[in-house]
Amino acid sequence: MQFKASQQIIDSNQPPTSSQPIGHNDEQFVQPQMPSGAGKAGGMFAISNFDMNDLYHINTINLDPYTETYGLHFYIQYMGGRLPFVFYKACDEHGRMAGYLMGKLEGEGEQYHGHITAITVGVDFRRQGVAKQLMAKFEEICISHNCYFIDLFVRISNKVAVGMYSAMGYAVYQQIIEYYSGENSEDAYDMHKALPADKERKSMIPKSRPVTVAEAFGEFY
């Protein structure tokens, strides 16, 4: 059984290193802030933990060219509402899933950070602030656990996503050569957003040249 999700390198299937409760299992309705000229009016969305039953609805919000199919276990390891894994969904007032975010806390010392593994918004809910609200919720968790920064990977051809992340305070830290492999191989931008723990904003100092996957992951892991 396989499902679609935003394309990322699949992380190692290690068990959580912490059993701390995330502390946000309750649904929270949020009103997205719409940028000027954003098109559709924003609605009310409930942010809550993703569970097994939600897997039956995941394909309906992954209908864009920047998605990849993963195995069931990849999603299950992020469920349960316990750190270091985070898996949120956003639903409208009718209970329809508008989008989801998968992330985790990882690294040590000044490399302790939040990593956004995947974030996807359904076609019918674009330009309504769904991604912004999901990422803001993840940022709250990262700040509360003293992470130094948040990072994510995005195809360099995905100009819309790069622009959106830039508007949220992310910047290109490095370009990773052929991060996305296979038939549609492509380089990725590793984008960072410094958090309050990174007082000197070291995590935002960009690399001077593109790096290989081995170079990039050898540094952080």
N, C-alpha and C. Protein backbone atom coordinates (compact mmCIF):
# COMPACT_ATOMS: atom_id res chain seq x y z
N MET A 1 0.85 -1.19 0.00
CA MET A 1 0.00 0.00 0.00
C MET A 1 0.89 1.24 0.00
N GLN A 2 0.70 2.11 -0.98
CA GLN A 2 1.55 3.28 -1.09
C GLN A 2 0.71 4.53 -1.27
N PHE A 3 1.29 5.66 -0.88
CA PHE A 3 0.60 6.92 -0.92
C PHE A 3 1.55 7.96 -1.49
N LYS A 4 0.99 9.10 -1.84
CA LYS A 4 1.81 10.17 -2.38
C LYS A 4 2.13 11.19 -1.30
N ALA A 5 3.32 11.77 -1.41
CA ALA A 5 3.73 12.84 -0.51
C ALA A 5 4.74 13.71 -1.22
N SER A 6 5.00 14.90 -0.68
CA SER A 6 5.99 15.78 -1.28
C SER A 6 7.33 15.06 -1.34
N GLN A 7 8.02 15.17 -2.46
CA GLN A 7 9.23 14.38 -2.67
C GLN A 7 10.36 14.87 -1.81
N GLN A 8 10.94 13.98 -1.02
CA GLN A 8 12.12 14.24 -0.21
C GLN A 8 12.96 12.97 -0.21
N ILE A 9 14.23 13.07 0.22
CA ILE A 9 15.02 11.87 0.48
C ILE A 9 14.40 11.18 1.68
N ILE A 10 14.20 9.86 1.59
CA ILE A 10 13.61 9.13 2.71
C ILE A 10 14.63 9.00 3.81
N ASP A 11 14.28 9.49 5.01
CA ASP A 11 15.18 9.43 6.15
C ASP A 11 15.24 8.01 6.68
N SER A 12 16.30 7.69 7.42
CA SER A 12 16.46 6.36 8.00
C SER A 12 15.34 6.07 8.97
N ASN A 13 14.89 4.82 8.98
CA ASN A 13 13.75 4.43 9.80
C ASN A 13 14.18 4.09 11.21
N GLN A 14 14.77 5.04 11.90
CA GLN A 14 15.17 4.84 13.28
C GLN A 14 14.01 5.18 14.20
N PRO A 15 13.88 4.49 15.35
CA PRO A 15 12.80 4.80 16.28
C PRO A 15 13.02 6.17 16.90
N PRO A 16 11.97 6.82 17.42
CA PRO A 16 12.13 8.12 18.05
C PRO A 16 13.15 8.07 19.18
N THR A 17 13.94 9.13 19.30
CA THR A 17 14.94 9.20 20.36
C THR A 17 14.37 9.84 21.61
N SER A 18 13.11 10.26 21.57
CA SER A 18 12.48 10.88 22.72
C SER A 18 11.03 10.47 22.77
N SER A 19 10.49 10.33 23.96
CA SER A 19 9.07 10.00 24.10
C SER A 19 8.29 11.17 24.65
N GLN A 20 8.85 12.38 24.49
CA GLN A 20 8.15 13.55 25.00
C GLN A 20 6.86 13.77 24.21
N PRO A 21 5.76 14.05 24.89
CA PRO A 21 4.55 14.40 24.15
C PRO A 21 4.71 15.77 23.52
N ILE A 22 4.19 15.91 22.32
CA ILE A 22 4.30 17.18 21.63
C ILE A 22 3.49 18.26 22.32
N GLY A 23 2.37 17.90 22.89
CA GLY A 23 1.60 18.85 23.66
C GLY A 23 0.65 19.69 22.84
N HIS A 24 0.25 19.19 21.67
CA HIS A 24 -0.69 19.95 20.84
C HIS A 24 -1.63 18.99 20.12
N ASN A 25 -2.15 18.02 20.84
CA ASN A 25 -3.04 17.04 20.24
C ASN A 25 -4.43 17.61 19.96
N ASP A 26 -4.80 18.66 20.69
CA ASP A 26 -6.12 19.23 20.50
C ASP A 26 -6.17 20.00 19.19
N GLU A 27 -7.34 19.98 18.56
CA GLU A 27 -7.51 20.74 17.33
C GLU A 27 -7.53 22.22 17.64
N GLN A 28 -6.91 23.00 16.78
CA GLN A 28 -6.88 24.44 16.94
C GLN A 28 -7.33 25.08 15.65
N PHE A 29 -8.45 25.82 15.70
CA PHE A 29 -8.91 26.50 14.50
C PHE A 29 -8.13 27.79 14.34
N VAL A 30 -7.66 28.03 13.13
CA VAL A 30 -6.84 29.20 12.87
C VAL A 30 -7.38 29.93 11.65
N GLN A 31 -7.28 31.25 11.69
CA GLN A 31 -7.70 32.08 10.57
C GLN A 31 -6.46 32.55 9.83
N PRO A 32 -6.21 32.04 8.62
CA PRO A 32 -5.00 32.44 7.91
C PRO A 32 -5.01 33.92 7.54
N GLN A 33 -3.83 34.55 7.57
CA GLN A 33 -3.67 35.92 7.15
C GLN A 33 -3.39 35.95 5.66
N MET A 34 -4.23 36.60 4.90
CA MET A 34 -4.09 36.58 3.45
C MET A 34 -3.20 37.72 2.97
N PRO A 35 -2.23 37.44 2.12
CA PRO A 35 -1.43 38.51 1.53
C PRO A 35 -2.27 39.30 0.54
N SER A 36 -1.83 40.50 0.24
CA SER A 36 -2.56 41.35 -0.70
C SER A 36 -2.67 40.68 -2.06
N GLY A 37 -3.88 40.68 -2.64
CA GLY A 37 -4.09 40.11 -3.96
C GLY A 37 -3.96 38.61 -4.01
N ALA A 38 -4.26 37.91 -2.91
CA ALA A 38 -4.02 36.47 -2.86
C ALA A 38 -5.08 35.65 -3.55
N GLY A 39 -6.14 36.24 -4.01
CA GLY A 39 -7.15 35.45 -4.73
C GLY A 39 -8.25 35.00 -3.81
N LYS A 40 -8.37 33.67 -3.59
CA LYS A 40 -9.44 33.12 -2.78
C LYS A 40 -9.40 33.65 -1.36
N ALA A 41 -10.57 33.78 -0.77
CA ALA A 41 -10.63 34.20 0.63
C ALA A 41 -10.22 33.05 1.52
N GLY A 42 -9.52 33.37 2.61
CA GLY A 42 -9.10 32.33 3.55
C GLY A 42 -10.26 31.82 4.36
N GLY A 43 -10.18 30.56 4.80
CA GLY A 43 -11.21 29.97 5.62
C GLY A 43 -10.66 29.61 6.98
N MET A 44 -11.48 28.91 7.77
CA MET A 44 -11.06 28.45 9.08
C MET A 44 -10.53 27.03 8.94
N PHE A 45 -9.35 26.78 9.49
CA PHE A 45 -8.73 25.45 9.39
C PHE A 45 -8.37 24.94 10.78
N ALA A 46 -8.65 23.66 11.00
CA ALA A 46 -8.29 23.01 12.26
C ALA A 46 -6.97 22.29 12.08
N ILE A 47 -6.01 22.62 12.93
CA ILE A 47 -4.70 21.97 12.90
C ILE A 47 -4.67 20.91 13.99
N SER A 48 -4.43 19.66 13.62
CA SER A 48 -4.40 18.57 14.60
C SER A 48 -3.44 17.49 14.12
N ASN A 49 -3.20 16.50 14.98
CA ASN A 49 -2.29 15.42 14.63
C ASN A 49 -2.90 14.50 13.58
N PHE A 50 -2.09 14.07 12.66
CA PHE A 50 -2.46 13.13 11.60
C PHE A 50 -2.54 11.73 12.21
N ASP A 51 -3.57 10.95 11.84
CA ASP A 51 -3.68 9.58 12.37
C ASP A 51 -3.88 8.58 11.23
N MET A 52 -3.97 7.32 11.58
CA MET A 52 -4.05 6.26 10.58
C MET A 52 -5.22 6.43 9.63
N ASN A 53 -6.38 6.84 10.15
CA ASN A 53 -7.56 6.99 9.30
C ASN A 53 -7.36 8.04 8.21
N ASP A 54 -6.48 9.01 8.47
CA ASP A 54 -6.25 10.07 7.50
C ASP A 54 -5.51 9.57 6.26
N LEU A 55 -4.86 8.42 6.36
CA LEU A 55 -4.14 7.88 5.20
C LEU A 55 -5.07 7.59 4.03
N TYR A 56 -6.36 7.33 4.33
CA TYR A 56 -7.31 7.03 3.26
C TYR A 56 -7.64 8.28 2.43
N HIS A 57 -7.28 9.45 2.95
CA HIS A 57 -7.62 10.69 2.26
C HIS A 57 -6.39 11.41 1.72
N ILE A 58 -5.22 10.83 1.89
CA ILE A 58 -4.00 11.55 1.59
C ILE A 58 -3.79 11.78 0.09
N ASN A 59 -4.23 10.86 -0.75
CA ASN A 59 -3.99 11.01 -2.18
C ASN A 59 -4.77 12.16 -2.80
N THR A 60 -5.89 12.52 -2.20
CA THR A 60 -6.73 13.58 -2.78
C THR A 60 -6.08 14.95 -2.69
N ILE A 61 -5.04 15.11 -1.87
CA ILE A 61 -4.40 16.42 -1.77
C ILE A 61 -2.97 16.41 -2.31
N ASN A 62 -2.63 15.36 -3.06
CA ASN A 62 -1.28 15.26 -3.62
C ASN A 62 -1.30 15.20 -5.14
N LEU A 63 -2.14 16.01 -5.75
CA LEU A 63 -2.30 15.95 -7.21
C LEU A 63 -1.52 17.06 -7.90
N ASP A 64 -0.21 17.12 -7.67
CA ASP A 64 0.63 18.08 -8.38
C ASP A 64 1.92 17.40 -8.80
N PRO A 65 2.68 17.98 -9.74
CA PRO A 65 3.88 17.31 -10.26
C PRO A 65 5.03 17.22 -9.27
N TYR A 66 4.93 17.90 -8.13
CA TYR A 66 6.01 17.86 -7.15
C TYR A 66 5.70 16.89 -6.02
N THR A 67 5.19 15.72 -6.38
CA THR A 67 4.87 14.71 -5.37
C THR A 67 5.59 13.41 -5.70
N GLU A 68 5.73 12.57 -4.70
CA GLU A 68 6.42 11.29 -4.85
C GLU A 68 5.67 10.25 -4.04
N THR A 69 5.69 9.00 -4.50
CA THR A 69 5.01 7.90 -3.80
C THR A 69 5.95 7.24 -2.80
N TYR A 70 5.46 7.07 -1.57
CA TYR A 70 6.24 6.43 -0.51
C TYR A 70 5.49 5.23 0.03
N GLY A 71 6.19 4.38 0.75
CA GLY A 71 5.57 3.24 1.41
C GLY A 71 4.85 3.64 2.69
N LEU A 72 3.97 2.78 3.14
CA LEU A 72 3.14 3.05 4.31
C LEU A 72 3.97 3.31 5.56
N HIS A 73 5.04 2.55 5.75
CA HIS A 73 5.84 2.68 6.98
C HIS A 73 6.44 4.06 7.12
N PHE A 74 6.75 4.70 6.00
CA PHE A 74 7.34 6.03 6.05
C PHE A 74 6.41 7.01 6.77
N TYR A 75 5.11 6.88 6.53
CA TYR A 75 4.14 7.76 7.18
C TYR A 75 3.89 7.36 8.62
N ILE A 76 3.80 6.07 8.87
CA ILE A 76 3.47 5.58 10.21
C ILE A 76 4.51 6.02 11.23
N GLN A 77 5.80 6.05 10.84
CA GLN A 77 6.83 6.41 11.80
C GLN A 77 6.69 7.84 12.30
N TYR A 78 5.98 8.69 11.56
CA TYR A 78 5.80 10.08 11.97
C TYR A 78 4.55 10.28 12.83
N MET A 79 3.69 9.27 12.91
CA MET A 79 2.44 9.40 13.65
C MET A 79 2.65 9.15 15.14
N GLY A 80 1.64 9.50 15.93
CA GLY A 80 1.66 9.21 17.36
C GLY A 80 1.76 10.42 18.24
N GLY A 81 2.08 11.58 17.66
CA GLY A 81 2.11 12.79 18.46
C GLY A 81 3.24 12.87 19.46
N ARG A 82 4.36 12.18 19.19
CA ARG A 82 5.49 12.21 20.12
C ARG A 82 6.78 12.56 19.37
N LEU A 83 7.55 13.44 20.00
CA LEU A 83 8.82 13.85 19.42
C LEU A 83 9.79 12.68 19.34
N PRO A 84 10.71 12.69 18.38
CA PRO A 84 11.08 13.83 17.54
C PRO A 84 10.23 14.01 16.29
N PHE A 85 9.23 13.14 16.09
CA PHE A 85 8.43 13.21 14.87
C PHE A 85 7.18 14.06 15.06
N VAL A 86 6.81 14.79 14.01
CA VAL A 86 5.63 15.64 14.00
C VAL A 86 4.87 15.38 12.70
N PHE A 87 3.56 15.21 12.81
CA PHE A 87 2.73 14.98 11.61
C PHE A 87 1.40 15.69 11.84
N TYR A 88 1.21 16.83 11.17
CA TYR A 88 0.00 17.63 11.30
C TYR A 88 -0.87 17.53 10.06
N LYS A 89 -2.15 17.72 10.27
CA LYS A 89 -3.07 17.91 9.15
C LYS A 89 -3.84 19.20 9.39
N ALA A 90 -4.31 19.79 8.31
CA ALA A 90 -5.18 20.96 8.38
C ALA A 90 -6.50 20.59 7.70
N CYS A 91 -7.61 20.79 8.40
CA CYS A 91 -8.93 20.47 7.85
C CYS A 91 -9.81 21.71 7.88
N ASP A 92 -10.71 21.80 6.89
CA ASP A 92 -11.64 22.93 6.88
C ASP A 92 -12.80 22.66 7.81
N GLU A 93 -13.76 23.58 7.84
CA GLU A 93 -14.88 23.46 8.78
C GLU A 93 -15.80 22.29 8.47
N HIS A 94 -15.65 21.69 7.29
CA HIS A 94 -16.44 20.51 6.92
C HIS A 94 -15.68 19.21 7.14
N GLY A 95 -14.48 19.30 7.69
CA GLY A 95 -13.68 18.12 7.96
C GLY A 95 -12.85 17.64 6.80
N ARG A 96 -12.84 18.38 5.70
CA ARG A 96 -12.04 17.99 4.54
C ARG A 96 -10.57 18.34 4.77
N MET A 97 -9.69 17.39 4.47
CA MET A 97 -8.27 17.65 4.66
C MET A 97 -7.78 18.65 3.61
N ALA A 98 -7.18 19.72 4.09
CA ALA A 98 -6.67 20.76 3.20
C ALA A 98 -5.18 20.60 2.93
N GLY A 99 -4.47 19.99 3.86
CA GLY A 99 -3.03 19.82 3.69
C GLY A 99 -2.43 19.13 4.89
N TYR A 100 -1.14 18.83 4.81
CA TYR A 100 -0.46 18.22 5.95
C TYR A 100 1.02 18.59 5.95
N LEU A 101 1.63 18.44 7.09
CA LEU A 101 3.07 18.67 7.25
C LEU A 101 3.68 17.54 8.05
N MET A 102 4.80 17.01 7.57
CA MET A 102 5.58 16.02 8.29
C MET A 102 6.93 16.64 8.62
N GLY A 103 7.36 16.49 9.86
CA GLY A 103 8.65 17.05 10.24
C GLY A 103 9.24 16.30 11.41
N LYS A 104 10.45 16.68 11.79
CA LYS A 104 11.09 16.05 12.95
C LYS A 104 12.19 16.97 13.48
N LEU A 105 12.55 16.73 14.73
CA LEU A 105 13.65 17.45 15.36
C LEU A 105 14.87 16.53 15.35
N GLU A 106 16.02 17.07 14.97
CA GLU A 106 17.20 16.23 14.83
C GLU A 106 18.47 17.06 14.95
N GLY A 107 19.62 16.37 15.05
CA GLY A 107 20.90 17.04 15.15
C GLY A 107 21.32 17.27 16.60
N GLU A 108 22.52 17.79 16.77
CA GLU A 108 23.07 18.06 18.10
C GLU A 108 23.76 19.41 18.11
N GLY A 109 23.85 20.01 19.29
CA GLY A 109 24.53 21.29 19.43
C GLY A 109 23.91 22.36 18.56
N GLU A 110 24.76 23.09 17.85
CA GLU A 110 24.26 24.15 16.98
C GLU A 110 23.62 23.61 15.71
N GLN A 111 23.67 22.29 15.52
CA GLN A 111 22.97 21.66 14.40
C GLN A 111 21.63 21.06 14.83
N TYR A 112 21.21 21.30 16.06
CA TYR A 112 19.90 20.82 16.51
C TYR A 112 18.84 21.68 15.83
N HIS A 113 18.01 21.05 15.03
CA HIS A 113 17.09 21.83 14.20
C HIS A 113 15.81 21.05 13.90
N GLY A 114 14.85 21.77 13.38
CA GLY A 114 13.63 21.15 12.89
C GLY A 114 13.74 20.94 11.39
N HIS A 115 13.38 19.76 10.93
CA HIS A 115 13.43 19.46 9.49
C HIS A 115 12.02 19.21 8.98
N ILE A 116 11.61 19.96 7.97
CA ILE A 116 10.32 19.74 7.33
C ILE A 116 10.51 18.68 6.27
N THR A 117 10.02 17.49 6.54
CA THR A 117 10.18 16.36 5.63
C THR A 117 9.27 16.51 4.41
N ALA A 118 8.03 16.91 4.63
CA ALA A 118 7.07 17.06 3.53
C ALA A 118 5.98 18.03 3.95
N ILE A 119 5.53 18.83 3.02
CA ILE A 119 4.37 19.68 3.24
C ILE A 119 3.59 19.74 1.93
N THR A 120 2.31 19.49 2.00
CA THR A 120 1.46 19.42 0.81
C THR A 120 0.12 20.09 1.09
N VAL A 121 -0.38 20.83 0.12
CA VAL A 121 -1.69 21.49 0.22
C VAL A 121 -2.53 21.06 -0.97
N GLY A 122 -3.77 20.68 -0.72
CA GLY A 122 -4.67 20.26 -1.78
C GLY A 122 -4.96 21.38 -2.77
N VAL A 123 -5.22 21.00 -4.01
CA VAL A 123 -5.45 21.97 -5.08
C VAL A 123 -6.57 22.94 -4.73
N ASP A 124 -7.64 22.45 -4.12
CA ASP A 124 -8.79 23.30 -3.80
C ASP A 124 -8.52 24.27 -2.66
N PHE A 125 -7.37 24.13 -1.99
CA PHE A 125 -7.09 24.96 -0.82
C PHE A 125 -5.84 25.82 -0.99
N ARG A 126 -5.35 25.92 -2.23
CA ARG A 126 -4.17 26.75 -2.47
C ARG A 126 -4.51 28.23 -2.25
N ARG A 127 -3.48 29.00 -1.88
CA ARG A 127 -3.60 30.45 -1.71
C ARG A 127 -4.59 30.83 -0.61
N GLN A 128 -4.74 29.97 0.38
CA GLN A 128 -5.61 30.27 1.52
C GLN A 128 -4.84 30.26 2.85
N GLY A 129 -3.53 30.21 2.78
CA GLY A 129 -2.72 30.28 3.99
C GLY A 129 -2.53 28.97 4.72
N VAL A 130 -2.87 27.84 4.08
CA VAL A 130 -2.77 26.54 4.75
C VAL A 130 -1.32 26.21 5.08
N ALA A 131 -0.43 26.31 4.09
CA ALA A 131 0.98 26.00 4.31
C ALA A 131 1.58 26.91 5.37
N LYS A 132 1.22 28.17 5.32
CA LYS A 132 1.74 29.14 6.29
C LYS A 132 1.36 28.75 7.71
N GLN A 133 0.11 28.32 7.90
CA GLN A 133 -0.35 27.95 9.24
C GLN A 133 0.31 26.66 9.72
N LEU A 134 0.46 25.68 8.84
CA LEU A 134 1.12 24.44 9.23
C LEU A 134 2.57 24.69 9.61
N MET A 135 3.26 25.51 8.82
CA MET A 135 4.66 25.78 9.10
C MET A 135 4.83 26.63 10.35
N ALA A 136 3.89 27.52 10.61
CA ALA A 136 3.95 28.32 11.83
C ALA A 136 3.79 27.45 13.07
N LYS A 137 2.91 26.45 12.99
CA LYS A 137 2.72 25.54 14.11
C LYS A 137 3.98 24.72 14.37
N PHE A 138 4.61 24.24 13.30
CA PHE A 138 5.85 23.49 13.45
C PHE A 138 6.96 24.38 14.03
N GLU A 139 6.98 25.62 13.60
CA GLU A 139 7.98 26.56 14.12
C GLU A 139 7.82 26.77 15.62
N GLU A 140 6.58 26.83 16.09
CA GLU A 140 6.33 26.96 17.53
C GLU A 140 6.99 25.83 18.31
N ILE A 141 6.82 24.60 17.80
CA ILE A 141 7.41 23.44 18.47
C ILE A 141 8.93 23.54 18.47
N CYS A 142 9.50 23.91 17.34
CA CYS A 142 10.95 24.01 17.23
C CYS A 142 11.51 25.06 18.19
N ILE A 143 10.85 26.20 18.28
CA ILE A 143 11.31 27.25 19.19
C ILE A 143 11.21 26.80 20.64
N SER A 144 10.10 26.14 20.98
CA SER A 144 9.89 25.70 22.37
C SER A 144 10.91 24.65 22.79
N HIS A 145 11.52 23.95 21.83
CA HIS A 145 12.53 22.94 22.14
C HIS A 145 13.94 23.44 21.79
N ASN A 146 14.07 24.76 21.66
CA ASN A 146 15.37 25.41 21.49
C ASN A 146 16.15 24.93 20.26
N CYS A 147 15.45 24.67 19.19
CA CYS A 147 16.12 24.37 17.93
C CYS A 147 16.81 25.63 17.41
N TYR A 148 17.91 25.45 16.73
CA TYR A 148 18.65 26.59 16.20
C TYR A 148 18.07 27.09 14.88
N PHE A 149 17.50 26.21 14.10
CA PHE A 149 16.94 26.62 12.82
C PHE A 149 15.98 25.55 12.32
N ILE A 150 15.28 25.87 11.25
CA ILE A 150 14.43 24.91 10.53
C ILE A 150 14.99 24.81 9.12
N ASP A 151 15.01 23.60 8.57
CA ASP A 151 15.42 23.46 7.18
C ASP A 151 14.42 22.63 6.39
N LEU A 152 14.48 22.77 5.09
CA LEU A 152 13.63 22.01 4.17
C LEU A 152 14.35 21.93 2.84
N PHE A 153 13.92 20.97 2.03
CA PHE A 153 14.51 20.80 0.70
C PHE A 153 13.42 21.00 -0.35
N VAL A 154 13.78 21.67 -1.44
CA VAL A 154 12.82 21.95 -2.49
C VAL A 154 13.53 21.89 -3.84
N ARG A 155 12.83 21.38 -4.85
CA ARG A 155 13.40 21.36 -6.20
C ARG A 155 13.71 22.78 -6.65
N ILE A 156 14.84 22.97 -7.30
CA ILE A 156 15.21 24.31 -7.74
C ILE A 156 14.26 24.82 -8.82
N SER A 157 13.55 23.89 -9.50
CA SER A 157 12.60 24.30 -10.54
C SER A 157 11.26 24.74 -9.96
N ASN A 158 11.03 24.47 -8.69
CA ASN A 158 9.75 24.80 -8.06
C ASN A 158 9.78 26.25 -7.58
N LYS A 159 9.71 27.17 -8.53
CA LYS A 159 9.87 28.59 -8.24
C LYS A 159 8.79 29.11 -7.30
N VAL A 160 7.57 28.59 -7.43
CA VAL A 160 6.48 29.05 -6.58
C VAL A 160 6.78 28.74 -5.11
N ALA A 161 7.21 27.49 -4.86
CA ALA A 161 7.51 27.10 -3.48
C ALA A 161 8.71 27.87 -2.94
N VAL A 162 9.74 28.04 -3.76
CA VAL A 162 10.92 28.79 -3.32
C VAL A 162 10.53 30.21 -2.93
N GLY A 163 9.67 30.82 -3.74
CA GLY A 163 9.21 32.17 -3.44
C GLY A 163 8.39 32.23 -2.16
N MET A 164 7.54 31.23 -1.94
CA MET A 164 6.71 31.19 -0.73
C MET A 164 7.59 31.04 0.51
N TYR A 165 8.56 30.12 0.45
CA TYR A 165 9.43 29.92 1.60
C TYR A 165 10.27 31.16 1.88
N SER A 166 10.72 31.83 0.83
CA SER A 166 11.50 33.06 1.00
C SER A 166 10.68 34.12 1.72
N ALA A 167 9.40 34.22 1.35
CA ALA A 167 8.52 35.19 1.99
C ALA A 167 8.29 34.88 3.46
N MET A 168 8.49 33.62 3.85
CA MET A 168 8.32 33.20 5.25
C MET A 168 9.61 33.32 6.05
N GLY A 169 10.67 33.82 5.44
CA GLY A 169 11.91 34.01 6.17
C GLY A 169 12.98 32.98 5.92
N TYR A 170 12.74 32.06 4.98
CA TYR A 170 13.74 31.05 4.63
C TYR A 170 14.68 31.60 3.55
N ALA A 171 15.91 31.12 3.55
CA ALA A 171 16.88 31.52 2.54
C ALA A 171 17.68 30.29 2.11
N VAL A 172 18.19 30.32 0.89
CA VAL A 172 18.97 29.19 0.38
C VAL A 172 20.29 29.11 1.13
N TYR A 173 20.51 27.99 1.80
CA TYR A 173 21.75 27.73 2.53
C TYR A 173 22.76 27.04 1.62
N GLN A 174 22.27 26.09 0.82
CA GLN A 174 23.15 25.39 -0.10
C GLN A 174 22.32 24.75 -1.21
N GLN A 175 22.97 24.48 -2.32
CA GLN A 175 22.37 23.73 -3.43
C GLN A 175 22.96 22.34 -3.41
N ILE A 176 22.10 21.31 -3.37
CA ILE A 176 22.55 19.92 -3.29
C ILE A 176 22.38 19.27 -4.66
N ILE A 177 23.48 18.80 -5.21
CA ILE A 177 23.49 18.24 -6.55
C ILE A 177 22.74 16.90 -6.59
N GLU A 178 21.76 16.81 -7.49
CA GLU A 178 20.97 15.58 -7.70
C GLU A 178 20.44 15.01 -6.39
N TYR A 179 19.93 15.90 -5.55
CA TYR A 179 19.26 15.45 -4.32
C TYR A 179 18.07 14.57 -4.67
N TYR A 180 17.34 14.98 -5.70
CA TYR A 180 16.23 14.18 -6.21
C TYR A 180 16.79 13.27 -7.31
N SER A 181 16.73 11.98 -7.09
CA SER A 181 17.29 11.03 -8.04
C SER A 181 16.18 10.35 -8.84
N GLY A 182 16.55 9.45 -9.74
CA GLY A 182 15.56 8.73 -10.52
C GLY A 182 15.31 9.37 -11.86
N GLU A 183 14.12 9.11 -12.40
CA GLU A 183 13.78 9.58 -13.75
C GLU A 183 13.78 11.09 -13.83
N ASN A 184 13.29 11.75 -12.78
CA ASN A 184 13.23 13.21 -12.76
C ASN A 184 14.28 13.77 -11.81
N SER A 185 15.53 13.37 -11.99
CA SER A 185 16.59 13.83 -11.11
C SER A 185 16.78 15.33 -11.23
N GLU A 186 17.11 15.96 -10.12
CA GLU A 186 17.23 17.41 -10.10
C GLU A 186 17.95 17.84 -8.83
N ASP A 187 18.60 18.99 -8.90
CA ASP A 187 19.21 19.57 -7.71
C ASP A 187 18.12 20.10 -6.78
N ALA A 188 18.49 20.27 -5.53
CA ALA A 188 17.57 20.84 -4.54
C ALA A 188 18.22 22.03 -3.86
N TYR A 189 17.37 22.95 -3.43
CA TYR A 189 17.82 23.99 -2.51
C TYR A 189 17.56 23.49 -1.10
N ASP A 190 18.57 23.60 -0.25
CA ASP A 190 18.42 23.38 1.18
C ASP A 190 18.20 24.76 1.77
N MET A 191 16.97 25.05 2.20
CA MET A 191 16.62 26.37 2.70
C MET A 191 16.54 26.36 4.22
N HIS A 192 17.08 27.39 4.84
CA HIS A 192 17.12 27.51 6.30
C HIS A 192 16.34 28.74 6.77
N LYS A 193 15.82 28.62 7.99
CA LYS A 193 15.27 29.77 8.70
C LYS A 193 15.83 29.74 10.11
N ALA A 194 16.57 30.78 10.49
CA ALA A 194 17.17 30.84 11.82
C ALA A 194 16.09 31.08 12.87
N LEU A 195 16.25 30.45 14.03
CA LEU A 195 15.34 30.61 15.16
C LEU A 195 16.06 31.38 16.27
N PRO A 196 15.33 31.83 17.29
CA PRO A 196 15.95 32.64 18.35
C PRO A 196 17.19 32.03 18.99
N ALA A 197 17.28 30.70 19.07
CA ALA A 197 18.45 30.06 19.69
C ALA A 197 19.73 30.35 18.90
N ASP A 198 19.60 30.59 17.61
CA ASP A 198 20.75 30.91 16.77
C ASP A 198 20.94 32.42 16.77
N LYS A 199 21.46 32.93 17.86
CA LYS A 199 21.57 34.38 18.03
C LYS A 199 22.48 35.03 16.99
N GLU A 200 23.50 34.32 16.56
CA GLU A 200 24.42 34.88 15.57
C GLU A 200 24.02 34.53 14.14
N ARG A 201 22.91 33.82 13.99
CA ARG A 201 22.36 33.45 12.68
C ARG A 201 23.40 32.73 11.81
N LYS A 202 24.17 31.85 12.44
CA LYS A 202 25.16 31.07 11.71
C LYS A 202 24.52 30.14 10.69
N SER A 203 23.32 29.67 11.00
CA SER A 203 22.63 28.73 10.11
C SER A 203 22.20 29.36 8.79
N MET A 204 22.29 30.68 8.69
CA MET A 204 21.86 31.38 7.49
C MET A 204 23.04 31.75 6.57
N ILE A 205 24.26 31.44 6.99
CA ILE A 205 25.43 31.77 6.16
C ILE A 205 25.51 30.75 5.02
N PRO A 206 25.32 31.16 3.78
CA PRO A 206 25.22 30.20 2.67
C PRO A 206 26.56 29.58 2.29
N LYS A 207 26.49 28.39 1.72
CA LYS A 207 27.67 27.73 1.18
C LYS A 207 28.11 28.45 -0.09
N SER A 208 29.39 28.39 -0.38
CA SER A 208 29.94 29.13 -1.52
C SER A 208 29.80 28.39 -2.84
N ARG A 209 29.45 27.09 -2.79
CA ARG A 209 29.35 26.30 -4.01
C ARG A 209 28.33 25.18 -3.81
N PRO A 210 27.80 24.63 -4.90
CA PRO A 210 26.92 23.46 -4.77
C PRO A 210 27.67 22.29 -4.15
N VAL A 211 26.95 21.45 -3.40
CA VAL A 211 27.56 20.30 -2.73
C VAL A 211 26.87 19.03 -3.16
N THR A 212 27.54 17.91 -2.99
CA THR A 212 26.94 16.61 -3.28
C THR A 212 26.09 16.17 -2.10
N VAL A 213 25.27 15.14 -2.31
CA VAL A 213 24.46 14.60 -1.22
C VAL A 213 25.36 14.11 -0.09
N ALA A 214 26.46 13.45 -0.44
CA ALA A 214 27.38 12.93 0.57
C ALA A 214 27.98 14.06 1.40
N GLU A 215 28.34 15.16 0.75
CA GLU A 215 28.90 16.30 1.48
C GLU A 215 27.86 16.93 2.39
N ALA A 216 26.64 17.08 1.89
CA ALA A 216 25.59 17.73 2.67
C ALA A 216 25.22 16.93 3.90
N PHE A 217 25.00 15.65 3.74
CA PHE A 217 24.53 14.85 4.86
C PHE A 217 25.66 14.40 5.77
N GLY A 218 26.88 14.41 5.26
CA GLY A 218 28.00 14.11 6.12
C GLY A 218 28.20 15.19 7.16
N GLU A 219 27.85 16.42 6.82
CA GLU A 219 28.02 17.54 7.75
C GLU A 219 27.01 17.49 8.88
N PHE A 220 25.76 17.12 8.56
CA PHE A 220 24.70 17.19 9.56
C PHE A 220 24.51 15.89 10.32
N TYR A 221 24.94 14.78 9.76
CA TYR A 221 24.67 13.50 10.39
C TYR A 221 25.97 12.76 10.66
